[in-house]
């Protein structure tokens, strides 16, 4: 009888693990957007022309930017101007717009977040009053003067 209980326990544990694995796989293969997660973006946040992270819950932990590179905001993507004023967000979830920086202006990078599909930088404007600060998708950051 003792062995029978262990066999049942192992079988149930296997079924639970299998169910959780299927659930995680389904979460990681959803559409390439944040739709369906437990938050909503402001209505004035535009769609972006590049792939966002499919599951924001699997994104990396922000790290201090340690490189001493001059950087600029670049509102162009693949040669097309997407945003004349690049929008800055509250986080990589992009729920709230926290500021705007005109394309071509120099910025200071404070943090970087490495993610599965799309990295984000926490940036601060240089020479603007009031100072603008927020998260921006990697394609809008340039290390070459524009």
Protein backbone atom coordinates (compact mmCIF):
# COMPACT_ATOMS: atom_id res chain seq x y z
CA UNK A 1 0.00 0.00 0.00
CA UNK A 2 2.89 2.36 0.80
CA UNK A 3 4.35 1.96 -2.69
CA UNK A 4 0.96 2.53 -4.28
CA UNK A 5 0.67 5.95 -2.55
CA UNK A 6 4.10 6.94 -3.86
CA UNK A 7 3.17 5.89 -7.38
CA UNK A 8 -0.04 7.98 -7.20
CA UNK A 9 1.90 10.95 -5.79
CA UNK A 10 4.53 10.76 -8.56
CA UNK A 11 1.82 10.41 -11.23
CA UNK A 12 -0.11 13.46 -9.95
CA UNK A 13 3.14 15.47 -9.70
CA UNK A 14 3.93 14.54 -13.30
CA UNK A 15 0.48 15.70 -14.47
CA UNK A 16 0.83 19.02 -12.62
CA UNK A 17 4.30 19.60 -14.10
CA UNK A 18 3.03 18.73 -17.58
CA UNK A 19 0.10 21.15 -17.22
CA UNK A 20 2.36 23.97 -16.03
CA UNK A 21 4.81 23.33 -18.89
CA UNK A 22 1.99 23.53 -21.43
CA UNK A 23 0.73 26.77 -19.86
CA UNK A 24 4.21 28.40 -19.95
CA UNK A 25 4.70 27.31 -23.55
CA UNK A 26 1.35 28.82 -24.52
CA UNK A 27 2.25 32.09 -22.79
CA UNK A 28 5.60 32.37 -24.59
CA UNK A 29 4.14 31.76 -28.06
CA UNK A 30 1.31 34.30 -27.97
CA UNK A 31 1.11 37.15 -30.46
CA UNK A 32 4.01 39.57 -30.56
CA UNK A 33 2.41 42.21 -28.34
CA UNK A 34 1.50 42.86 -24.74
CA UNK A 35 -2.19 42.25 -25.44
CA UNK A 36 -3.87 39.85 -23.09
CA UNK A 37 -1.80 40.71 -20.04
CA UNK A 38 -3.08 42.31 -16.86
CA UNK A 39 -2.48 45.96 -17.77
CA UNK A 40 -3.63 48.45 -20.35
CA UNK A 41 -1.69 51.03 -22.30
CA UNK A 42 -2.91 54.61 -22.58
CA UNK A 43 -4.97 55.18 -25.72
CA UNK A 44 -2.45 57.77 -27.02
CA UNK A 45 0.43 55.27 -27.15
CA UNK A 46 1.02 54.38 -30.82
CA UNK A 47 1.83 50.94 -32.18
CA UNK A 48 5.50 50.54 -33.04
CA UNK A 49 6.83 49.13 -36.33
CA UNK A 50 9.07 46.55 -34.62
CA UNK A 51 8.34 43.41 -32.62
CA UNK A 52 7.69 43.99 -28.92
CA UNK A 53 8.38 41.40 -26.23
CA UNK A 54 5.74 38.67 -26.51
CA UNK A 55 5.53 38.14 -22.75
CA UNK A 56 6.60 41.13 -20.63
CA UNK A 57 6.78 38.90 -17.56
CA UNK A 58 9.86 37.15 -19.00
CA UNK A 59 11.81 40.39 -19.49
CA UNK A 60 15.16 41.05 -17.85
CA UNK A 61 16.05 43.05 -14.77
CA UNK A 62 17.23 46.63 -15.44
CA UNK A 63 20.98 47.10 -15.00
CA UNK A 64 23.09 50.22 -14.59
CA UNK A 65 24.49 51.42 -17.93
CA UNK A 66 28.28 51.21 -17.51
CA UNK A 67 29.46 52.28 -20.94
CA UNK A 68 30.78 55.74 -21.64
CA UNK A 69 29.22 56.21 -25.08
CA UNK A 70 27.58 59.37 -26.36
CA UNK A 71 24.06 58.56 -27.51
CA UNK A 72 21.17 60.23 -29.29
CA UNK A 73 17.45 59.73 -29.64
CA UNK A 74 16.58 58.60 -33.15
CA UNK A 75 12.92 58.58 -34.18
CA UNK A 76 13.67 56.72 -37.41
CA UNK A 77 13.41 53.01 -38.02
CA UNK A 78 14.75 51.34 -41.18
CA UNK A 79 15.16 54.73 -42.83
CA UNK A 80 11.62 55.95 -42.12
CA UNK A 81 10.83 58.66 -39.58
CA UNK A 82 8.42 57.09 -37.08
CA UNK A 83 8.38 59.74 -34.34
CA UNK A 84 9.65 63.33 -34.66
CA UNK A 85 9.44 63.49 -30.89
CA UNK A 86 10.33 60.09 -29.46
CA UNK A 87 8.00 59.06 -26.66
CA UNK A 88 9.43 58.00 -23.29
CA UNK A 89 7.54 55.50 -21.17
CA UNK A 90 7.10 54.53 -17.52
CA UNK A 91 8.64 51.06 -18.12
CA UNK A 92 9.07 48.41 -20.81
CA UNK A 93 5.33 47.80 -20.43
CA UNK A 94 4.82 51.22 -22.10
CA UNK A 95 1.63 51.94 -20.16
CA UNK A 96 2.15 55.69 -19.64
CA UNK A 97 4.03 58.36 -21.60
CA UNK A 98 6.44 60.13 -19.22
CA UNK A 99 8.10 62.50 -21.66
CA UNK A 100 9.21 63.32 -25.19
CA UNK A 101 12.60 64.05 -26.75
CA UNK A 102 13.02 65.48 -30.23
CA UNK A 103 14.73 63.08 -32.62
CA UNK A 104 18.42 63.89 -33.01
CA UNK A 105 19.02 65.24 -29.50
CA UNK A 106 21.75 63.90 -27.25
CA UNK A 107 20.69 61.74 -24.30
CA UNK A 108 22.20 60.14 -21.22
CA UNK A 109 21.55 56.42 -20.73
CA UNK A 110 20.93 55.48 -17.08
CA UNK A 111 19.79 51.83 -17.25
CA UNK A 112 19.48 49.05 -19.81
CA UNK A 113 17.01 46.17 -19.75
CA UNK A 114 17.90 43.14 -21.88
CA UNK A 115 14.73 41.36 -22.99
CA UNK A 116 13.81 38.37 -25.20
CA UNK A 117 12.86 40.41 -28.30
CA UNK A 118 13.24 44.12 -27.62
CA UNK A 119 15.67 45.82 -25.24
CA UNK A 120 14.83 49.08 -23.48
CA UNK A 121 16.93 51.97 -22.14
CA UNK A 122 16.10 54.37 -19.33
CA UNK A 123 17.25 57.70 -20.76
CA UNK A 124 17.42 61.33 -19.67
CA UNK A 125 17.48 64.37 -21.91
CA UNK A 126 20.54 66.61 -22.03
CA UNK A 127 20.00 70.35 -22.39
CA UNK A 128 16.19 70.32 -22.22
CA UNK A 129 14.14 72.11 -19.61
CA UNK A 130 12.33 70.53 -17.99
CA UNK A 131 14.46 67.37 -18.05
CA UNK A 132 12.72 64.48 -19.79
CA UNK A 133 13.27 60.94 -18.48
CA UNK A 134 11.78 57.56 -19.30
CA UNK A 135 12.16 54.19 -21.00
CA UNK A 136 12.65 53.98 -24.75
CA UNK A 137 12.83 50.94 -27.09
CA UNK A 138 16.32 50.14 -28.38
CA UNK A 139 15.66 51.01 -32.07
CA UNK A 140 15.14 54.64 -31.00
CA UNK A 141 18.61 54.90 -29.40
CA UNK A 142 21.62 55.62 -31.60
CA UNK A 143 25.32 55.62 -30.79
CA UNK A 144 26.07 57.43 -34.04
CA UNK A 145 25.33 61.15 -34.31
CA UNK A 146 22.27 61.73 -36.47
